[in-house]
Amino acid sequence: MSRTAKALDADEERVTRAQRLLIQLGAALVSQPFDTHTHDRLRAFLADDAEGVLASLETLQQRPEADLRHRVAELVGHQLFPGGAA
């Protein structure tokens, strides 16, 4: 992340952390499908955190496309497309 980029806001942070955790858990389930620790971690996420993550994701999805493009450019440190075009 560039020094000028803002830190992730609460919704961005929550969704990013959940995505990383779910990718890790998914990989663990593929490699060891009957590992009870992995199942317990997934159940805990679903019971305790999933609702908040889904609310944060909904909040992020409500942002206008131009705002999302600006935020991505801010986080990566440059515009992905000249003039903001897709």
C-alpha atoms as a PDB file:
ATOM      1  CA  MET A   1       0.000   0.000   0.000  1.00  0.00           C
ATOM      2  CA  SER A   2       1.334   3.445  -0.800  1.00  0.00           C
ATOM      3  CA  ARG A   3       2.038   5.883   1.998  1.00  0.00           C
ATOM      4  CA  THR A   4      -0.671   8.237   0.736  1.00  0.00           C
ATOM      5  CA  ALA A   5      -3.436   5.647   0.710  1.00  0.00           C
ATOM      6  CA  LYS A   6      -5.917   5.780   3.532  1.00  0.00           C
ATOM      7  CA  ALA A   7      -6.259   2.845   5.869  1.00  0.00           C
ATOM      8  CA  LEU A   8      -9.117   0.459   5.246  1.00  0.00           C
ATOM      9  CA  ASP A   9     -12.374   1.614   6.772  1.00  0.00           C
ATOM     10  CA  ALA A  10     -14.249  -0.707   9.150  1.00  0.00           C
ATOM     11  CA  ASP A  11     -16.358  -2.333   6.418  1.00  0.00           C
ATOM     12  CA  GLU A  12     -13.390  -2.840   4.096  1.00  0.00           C
ATOM     13  CA  GLU A  13     -11.351  -4.328   6.930  1.00  0.00           C
ATOM     14  CA  ARG A  14     -14.154  -6.671   8.046  1.00  0.00           C
ATOM     15  CA  VAL A  15     -14.767  -7.994   4.526  1.00  0.00           C
ATOM     16  CA  THR A  16     -11.052  -8.356   3.768  1.00  0.00           C
ATOM     17  CA  ARG A  17     -10.366 -10.282   6.972  1.00  0.00           C
ATOM     18  CA  ALA A  18     -13.368 -12.543   6.371  1.00  0.00           C
ATOM     19  CA  GLN A  19     -12.311 -13.223   2.788  1.00  0.00           C
ATOM     20  CA  ARG A  20      -8.821 -14.243   3.906  1.00  0.00           C
ATOM     21  CA  LEU A  21     -10.200 -16.465   6.671  1.00  0.00           C
ATOM     22  CA  LEU A  22     -12.712 -18.151   4.365  1.00  0.00           C
ATOM     23  CA  ILE A  23     -10.062 -18.819   1.719  1.00  0.00           C
ATOM     24  CA  GLN A  24      -7.856 -20.389   4.405  1.00  0.00           C
ATOM     25  CA  LEU A  25     -10.735 -22.464   5.740  1.00  0.00           C
ATOM     26  CA  GLY A  26     -11.752 -23.532   2.237  1.00  0.00           C
ATOM     27  CA  ALA A  27      -8.223 -24.680   1.475  1.00  0.00           C
ATOM     28  CA  ALA A  28      -8.074 -26.514   4.796  1.00  0.00           C
ATOM     29  CA  LEU A  29     -11.368 -28.258   4.058  1.00  0.00           C
ATOM     30  CA  VAL A  30     -10.077 -29.385   0.663  1.00  0.00           C
ATOM     31  CA  SER A  31      -6.810 -30.724   2.056  1.00  0.00           C
ATOM     32  CA  GLN A  32      -8.293 -32.218   5.247  1.00  0.00           C
ATOM     33  CA  PRO A  33     -12.069 -32.452   4.838  1.00  0.00           C
ATOM     34  CA  PHE A  34     -12.678 -34.131   8.197  1.00  0.00           C
ATOM     35  CA  ASP A  35     -10.525 -31.907  10.406  1.00  0.00           C
ATOM     36  CA  THR A  36     -12.752 -30.993  13.345  1.00  0.00           C
ATOM     37  CA  HIS A  37     -10.739 -27.850  14.200  1.00  0.00           C
ATOM     38  CA  THR A  38     -11.420 -26.430  10.735  1.00  0.00           C
ATOM     39  CA  HIS A  39     -15.110 -27.274  11.027  1.00  0.00           C
ATOM     40  CA  ASP A  40     -15.231 -25.596  14.442  1.00  0.00           C
ATOM     41  CA  ARG A  41     -13.580 -22.435  13.067  1.00  0.00           C
ATOM     42  CA  LEU A  42     -16.039 -22.325  10.168  1.00  0.00           C
ATOM     43  CA  ARG A  43     -19.014 -22.836  12.482  1.00  0.00           C
ATOM     44  CA  ALA A  44     -17.741 -20.082  14.786  1.00  0.00           C
ATOM     45  CA  PHE A  45     -17.379 -17.694  11.853  1.00  0.00           C
ATOM     46  CA  LEU A  46     -20.888 -18.476  10.626  1.00  0.00           C
ATOM     47  CA  ALA A  47     -22.393 -18.112  14.094  1.00  0.00           C
ATOM     48  CA  ASP A  48     -20.485 -15.048  15.284  1.00  0.00           C
ATOM     49  CA  ASP A  49     -19.204 -13.046  12.332  1.00  0.00           C
ATOM     50  CA  ALA A  50     -21.008 -13.844   9.082  1.00  0.00           C
ATOM     51  CA  GLU A  51     -23.952 -11.516   9.691  1.00  0.00           C
ATOM     52  CA  GLY A  52     -21.696  -8.511  10.308  1.00  0.00           C
ATOM     53  CA  VAL A  53     -19.526  -9.350   7.308  1.00  0.00           C
ATOM     54  CA  LEU A  54     -22.564  -9.628   5.053  1.00  0.00           C
ATOM     55  CA  ALA A  55     -23.813  -6.257   6.314  1.00  0.00           C
ATOM     56  CA  SER A  56     -20.415  -4.716   5.586  1.00  0.00           C
ATOM     57  CA  LEU A  57     -20.369  -6.294   2.131  1.00  0.00           C
ATOM     58  CA  GLU A  58     -23.823  -4.856   1.429  1.00  0.00           C
ATOM     59  CA  THR A  59     -22.581  -1.423   2.523  1.00  0.00           C
ATOM     60  CA  LEU A  60     -19.604  -1.670   0.191  1.00  0.00           C
ATOM     61  CA  GLN A  61     -21.783  -2.838  -2.697  1.00  0.00           C
ATOM     62  CA  GLN A  62     -24.017   0.216  -2.263  1.00  0.00           C
ATOM     63  CA  ARG A  63     -21.171   2.591  -3.057  1.00  0.00           C
ATOM     64  CA  PRO A  64     -21.373   4.213  -6.487  1.00  0.00           C
ATOM     65  CA  GLU A  65     -19.076   2.658  -9.098  1.00  0.00           C
ATOM     66  CA  ALA A  66     -17.061   5.865  -9.476  1.00  0.00           C
ATOM     67  CA  ASP A  67     -16.397   5.888  -5.720  1.00  0.00           C
ATOM     68  CA  LEU A  68     -15.320   2.242  -5.808  1.00  0.00           C
ATOM     69  CA  ARG A  69     -12.939   2.876  -8.714  1.00  0.00           C
ATOM     70  CA  HIS A  70     -11.465   5.868  -6.896  1.00  0.00           C
ATOM     71  CA  ARG A  71     -11.022   3.809  -3.720  1.00  0.00           C
ATOM     72  CA  VAL A  72      -9.308   0.957  -5.564  1.00  0.00           C
ATOM     73  CA  ALA A  73      -6.963   3.436  -7.259  1.00  0.00           C
ATOM     74  CA  GLU A  74      -6.240   5.009  -3.885  1.00  0.00           C
ATOM     75  CA  LEU A  75      -5.435   1.645  -2.312  1.00  0.00           C
ATOM     76  CA  VAL A  76      -3.234   0.360  -5.130  1.00  0.00           C
ATOM     77  CA  GLY A  77      -1.537   3.709  -5.618  1.00  0.00           C
ATOM     78  CA  HIS A  78      -2.471   4.303  -9.238  1.00  0.00           C
ATOM     79  CA  GLN A  79      -5.396   4.350 -11.636  1.00  0.00           C
ATOM     80  CA  LEU A  80      -6.057   0.987 -13.235  1.00  0.00           C
ATOM     81  CA  PHE A  81      -7.622   2.495 -16.357  1.00  0.00           C
ATOM     82  CA  PRO A  82      -6.733   5.846 -17.929  1.00  0.00           C
ATOM     83  CA  GLY A  83      -9.506   8.362 -17.295  1.00  0.00           C
ATOM     84  CA  GLY A  84     -11.303   5.927 -14.986  1.00  0.00           C
ATOM     85  CA  ALA A  85     -12.781   3.984 -17.920  1.00  0.00           C
ATOM     86  CA  ALA A  86     -13.490   0.289 -17.616  1.00  0.00           C
END
